[in-house]
Each structure stands twice: as structure tokens, then as C-alpha cells.
Amino acid sequence: QVQLVESGGGLVQPGGSLRLSCAASGIIFSIYAMGWYRQAPGKQRELVAAITSGGSTNYADSVKGRFTVSRGNAKNTVYLQMNSLKPEDTAVYYCYATVPGTADSWGQGTQVTVSS
């Protein structure tokens, strides 16, 4: 089992930046991939960005060129650097971790609000 704790959300003006962090604990050596989903009010949860243990990344088209996902040196932390934020990026952002053979683990979510 993997436990995830997110931090770094908040209120930012359009065009601004935020950096989300997610720290994993538990059976972290077995994590294959980590990343971020988001869910806006009235919408389905969508994948934002993901990174595998080998460093391969995947992004939603809507965030390519603006967001960057990365992992810490200890591989138990994942970051989401969000630049050029838009009002449509407003959502609750959830960290997740994939461990082969088990259900994905999820964080509690952190609110990101982009508004002037």
C-alpha cells in the first residue's frame, strides 16, 4: 500500500505559476508510475500528466508546453510545475501512484484556483 500527501495548491492569477508536490510513503520501491489527475466542478476526472519510473512522461493536450511533471531523486516524490495558468485549469488536483498488481493509490486532492 502507498500513501500519498499533496501540497502546493492555492489561488493564482491567470498567467501565473504554481508547483504541486506529492510525497509517497509505504511500499514506494514498487511504484511504476506517478502523476496527476484533476477534476473540475461538473466534469469528469482527467489525466493531467504522468511519469514512469523510467522517466517517460505523458501529458494531456491541454497542458502540453505549460506543465511539467518530474520526480524527486528519491523517486518517492512527484512534482507538477504549472506555468501560464488559465482559468480553465481550475480544479482539484489529485496525485496518484501505480503499483503493478494493485489498485492505484490516490492523494486527498489539492485545490487550484486560477482567477483574477
Protein backbone atom coordinates (compact mmCIF):
# COMPACT_ATOMS: atom_id res chain seq x y z
CA GLN A 1 0.00 0.00 0.00
CA VAL A 2 1.20 3.51 -0.87
CA GLN A 3 0.11 6.66 0.94
CA LEU A 4 0.21 9.99 -0.88
CA VAL A 5 0.17 13.53 0.51
CA GLU A 6 -0.17 16.53 -1.80
CA SER A 7 0.74 20.16 -1.22
CA GLY A 8 1.14 23.38 -3.16
CA GLY A 9 -2.34 24.29 -4.36
CA GLY A 10 -3.84 27.72 -3.99
CA LEU A 11 -5.18 30.80 -5.72
CA VAL A 12 -3.23 32.31 -8.60
CA GLN A 13 -3.94 34.91 -11.26
CA PRO A 14 -4.17 33.95 -14.93
CA GLY A 15 -0.70 33.67 -16.40
CA GLY A 16 0.79 32.78 -13.03
CA SER A 17 2.56 29.65 -11.84
CA LEU A 18 2.16 27.05 -9.13
CA ARG A 19 4.11 23.96 -8.17
CA LEU A 20 2.35 20.95 -6.75
CA SER A 21 4.19 18.31 -4.74
CA CYS A 22 3.18 14.79 -3.79
CA ALA A 23 5.11 12.67 -1.32
CA ALA A 24 4.67 8.90 -1.23
CA SER A 25 5.24 6.59 1.71
CA GLY A 26 4.80 2.87 2.19
CA ILE A 27 5.89 0.33 -0.43
CA ILE A 28 7.46 3.01 -2.63
CA PHE A 29 10.03 0.75 -4.28
CA SER A 30 7.26 -0.95 -6.23
CA ILE A 31 5.79 2.23 -7.72
CA TYR A 32 5.75 2.04 -11.52
CA ALA A 33 4.30 5.45 -12.30
CA MET A 34 3.11 8.59 -10.55
CA GLY A 35 1.21 11.55 -11.80
CA TRP A 36 -1.68 13.93 -11.54
CA TYR A 37 -5.35 13.94 -12.40
CA ARG A 38 -7.72 16.86 -11.97
CA GLN A 39 -11.44 17.28 -11.61
CA ALA A 40 -13.30 20.50 -12.21
CA PRO A 41 -16.85 21.06 -10.93
CA GLY A 42 -19.36 19.17 -13.05
CA LYS A 43 -16.66 17.44 -15.08
CA GLN A 44 -15.06 14.02 -15.10
CA ARG A 45 -11.65 13.44 -13.61
CA GLU A 46 -8.98 13.71 -16.32
CA LEU A 47 -5.33 12.79 -16.56
CA VAL A 48 -3.08 15.84 -16.48
CA ALA A 49 0.42 14.35 -16.51
CA ALA A 50 2.24 11.18 -15.57
CA ILE A 51 5.80 9.94 -15.27
CA THR A 52 7.07 6.37 -15.10
CA SER A 53 9.93 5.01 -13.03
CA GLY A 54 11.99 5.10 -16.23
CA GLY A 55 11.30 8.77 -16.74
CA SER A 56 8.80 8.58 -19.59
CA THR A 57 6.19 11.31 -19.43
CA ASN A 58 2.68 11.79 -20.74
CA TYR A 59 0.61 14.98 -20.81
CA ALA A 60 -2.93 16.00 -21.61
CA ASP A 61 -3.01 18.05 -24.80
CA SER A 62 -4.48 20.98 -22.90
CA VAL A 63 -1.39 21.35 -20.70
CA LYS A 64 1.45 20.47 -23.09
CA GLY A 65 4.07 23.20 -23.14
CA ARG A 66 2.76 24.74 -19.91
CA PHE A 67 3.01 21.97 -17.30
CA THR A 68 5.99 19.81 -16.41
CA VAL A 69 5.88 16.61 -14.35
CA SER A 70 9.01 15.38 -12.60
CA ARG A 71 10.11 13.04 -9.84
CA GLY A 72 12.49 13.69 -6.98
CA ASN A 73 15.85 11.99 -6.65
CA ALA A 74 14.48 9.57 -4.07
CA LYS A 75 11.70 8.61 -6.52
CA ASN A 76 9.07 8.93 -3.79
CA THR A 77 8.05 12.45 -4.72
CA VAL A 78 6.35 13.75 -7.85
CA TYR A 79 6.03 17.40 -8.80
CA LEU A 80 3.82 19.30 -11.20
CA GLN A 81 5.17 22.65 -12.30
CA MET A 82 2.28 24.64 -13.77
CA ASN A 83 3.06 27.77 -15.77
CA SER A 84 0.89 30.13 -17.81
CA LEU A 85 -2.12 29.05 -15.82
CA LYS A 86 -5.57 29.64 -17.27
CA PRO A 87 -8.98 29.86 -15.57
CA GLU A 88 -9.87 26.52 -17.16
CA ASP A 89 -7.07 24.91 -15.15
CA THR A 90 -9.15 25.49 -12.03
CA ALA A 91 -9.82 22.11 -10.45
CA VAL A 92 -8.99 19.80 -7.60
CA TYR A 93 -5.70 18.11 -8.47
CA TYR A 94 -5.12 14.55 -7.30
CA CYS A 95 -1.82 12.74 -7.10
CA TYR A 96 -1.80 9.04 -7.92
CA ALA A 97 0.66 6.16 -7.89
CA THR A 98 0.51 2.94 -9.87
CA VAL A 99 1.86 -0.26 -8.39
CA PRO A 100 1.58 -3.31 -10.68
CA GLY A 101 -0.90 -5.86 -9.41
CA THR A 102 -2.70 -3.48 -7.08
CA ALA A 103 -5.27 -0.73 -7.31
CA ASP A 104 -3.94 2.77 -7.87
CA SER A 105 -3.30 4.86 -4.75
CA TRP A 106 -4.68 8.40 -4.54
CA GLY A 107 -3.96 11.52 -2.56
CA GLN A 108 -6.62 13.62 -0.87
CA GLY A 109 -6.57 16.33 -3.54
CA THR A 110 -5.46 19.94 -3.54
CA GLN A 111 -7.47 22.86 -4.88
CA VAL A 112 -6.02 25.02 -7.66
CA THR A 113 -7.97 28.17 -8.49
CA VAL A 114 -6.96 30.44 -11.35
CA SER A 115 -8.80 33.72 -11.15
CA SER A 116 -8.22 37.44 -11.26
